Amino acid sequence: MVTKNEAESRYEVHVDGKLAGFLEYRDVSGVLALVHTEVDDAYAGQGLGGQLAKFALDDVLARGGKISPLCPFVAKYIDKHPEYRVTIR
């Protein structure tokens, strides 16, 4: 399950109630900079990073925001999902 933790400026994914990974962000003059993704080694290869990227992108787009994919993982995710390419600023 992915949630937004505004106090920590990150999106978080939980497995069985435990934090399994996160995607940090920074608001820079109204542009959400997605800066770092990290998934616990125990959950590597299970698609949690993709869930984080999709949730973050969908969340910002639903609010009409602008995105800067500074995190290489998110940039690669966008390359594989062309529906997000036209919305990135």
Protein backbone atom coordinates (compact mmCIF):
# COMPACT_ATOMS: atom_id res chain seq x y z
CA MET A 1 0.00 0.00 0.00
CA VAL A 2 1.39 3.41 -1.02
CA THR A 3 0.68 6.54 1.01
CA LYS A 4 1.87 10.13 1.04
CA ASN A 5 3.77 11.21 4.15
CA GLU A 6 3.81 15.01 3.92
CA ALA A 7 5.67 15.38 7.23
CA GLU A 8 8.64 13.45 5.76
CA SER A 9 8.20 14.78 2.18
CA ARG A 10 7.93 11.33 0.69
CA TYR A 11 5.63 8.67 -0.68
CA GLU A 12 5.86 5.40 1.22
CA VAL A 13 5.02 1.81 0.41
CA HIS A 14 4.17 -0.58 3.23
CA VAL A 15 4.08 -4.39 3.22
CA ASP A 16 2.34 -6.12 6.11
CA GLY A 17 2.24 -2.80 7.98
CA LYS A 18 6.00 -2.22 7.71
CA LEU A 19 7.78 0.43 5.66
CA ALA A 20 9.26 -1.33 2.62
CA GLY A 21 10.32 1.65 0.53
CA PHE A 22 9.92 5.34 -0.17
CA LEU A 23 10.21 8.05 -2.82
CA GLU A 24 11.44 11.40 -1.52
CA TYR A 25 10.26 14.64 -3.05
CA ARG A 26 10.91 18.38 -2.75
CA ASP A 27 8.59 21.22 -3.74
CA VAL A 28 10.68 23.73 -5.66
CA SER A 29 8.65 26.79 -6.64
CA GLY A 30 5.54 24.73 -7.37
CA VAL A 31 7.39 21.94 -9.19
CA LEU A 32 7.52 18.60 -7.40
CA ALA A 33 11.06 17.27 -7.72
CA LEU A 34 11.08 13.48 -7.28
CA VAL A 35 14.58 13.05 -5.92
CA HIS A 36 15.25 9.60 -4.47
CA THR A 37 13.68 6.13 -4.45
CA GLU A 38 14.69 3.43 -2.01
CA VAL A 39 13.26 -0.07 -1.49
CA ASP A 40 14.36 -2.44 1.27
CA ASP A 41 16.56 -5.24 -0.10
CA ALA A 42 14.09 -7.82 1.22
CA TYR A 43 11.51 -6.52 -1.30
CA ALA A 44 13.79 -5.90 -4.29
CA GLY A 45 12.38 -7.03 -7.62
CA GLN A 46 8.76 -7.07 -6.44
CA GLY A 47 7.68 -3.92 -8.28
CA LEU A 48 7.48 -1.68 -5.24
CA GLY A 49 9.59 1.03 -6.87
CA GLY A 50 7.18 1.10 -9.81
CA GLN A 51 4.23 1.37 -7.44
CA LEU A 52 5.87 4.36 -5.76
CA ALA A 53 6.62 6.08 -9.07
CA LYS A 54 3.11 5.52 -10.43
CA PHE A 55 1.43 6.70 -7.23
CA ALA A 56 3.57 9.85 -7.06
CA LEU A 57 3.06 10.73 -10.73
CA ASP A 58 -0.69 10.10 -10.56
CA ASP A 59 -0.98 12.11 -7.35
CA VAL A 60 0.75 15.17 -8.78
CA LEU A 61 -1.05 14.98 -12.11
CA ALA A 62 -4.44 14.70 -10.39
CA ARG A 63 -3.68 18.03 -8.72
CA GLY A 64 -2.51 19.61 -11.97
CA GLY A 65 1.05 19.96 -10.71
CA LYS A 66 4.37 19.95 -12.50
CA ILE A 67 6.99 17.24 -12.03
CA SER A 68 10.76 17.12 -12.30
CA PRO A 69 11.99 13.50 -12.29
CA LEU A 70 15.44 13.98 -10.75
CA CYS A 71 15.53 10.39 -9.50
CA PRO A 72 16.99 8.11 -12.21
CA PHE A 73 14.52 5.34 -11.32
CA VAL A 74 11.54 7.64 -11.87
CA ALA A 75 13.03 8.94 -15.13
CA LYS A 76 13.34 5.34 -16.38
CA TYR A 77 9.76 4.64 -15.27
CA ILE A 78 8.55 7.62 -17.31
CA ASP A 79 10.50 6.40 -20.35
CA LYS A 80 8.58 3.11 -20.17
CA HIS A 81 5.19 4.84 -19.66
CA PRO A 82 4.67 7.41 -22.42
CA GLU A 83 1.41 8.65 -20.89
CA TYR A 84 3.51 10.58 -18.35
CA ARG A 85 5.98 12.15 -20.81
CA VAL A 86 3.71 14.95 -21.95
CA THR A 87 2.99 16.09 -18.39
CA ILE A 88 6.55 16.53 -17.11
CA ARG A 89 7.94 20.05 -16.93
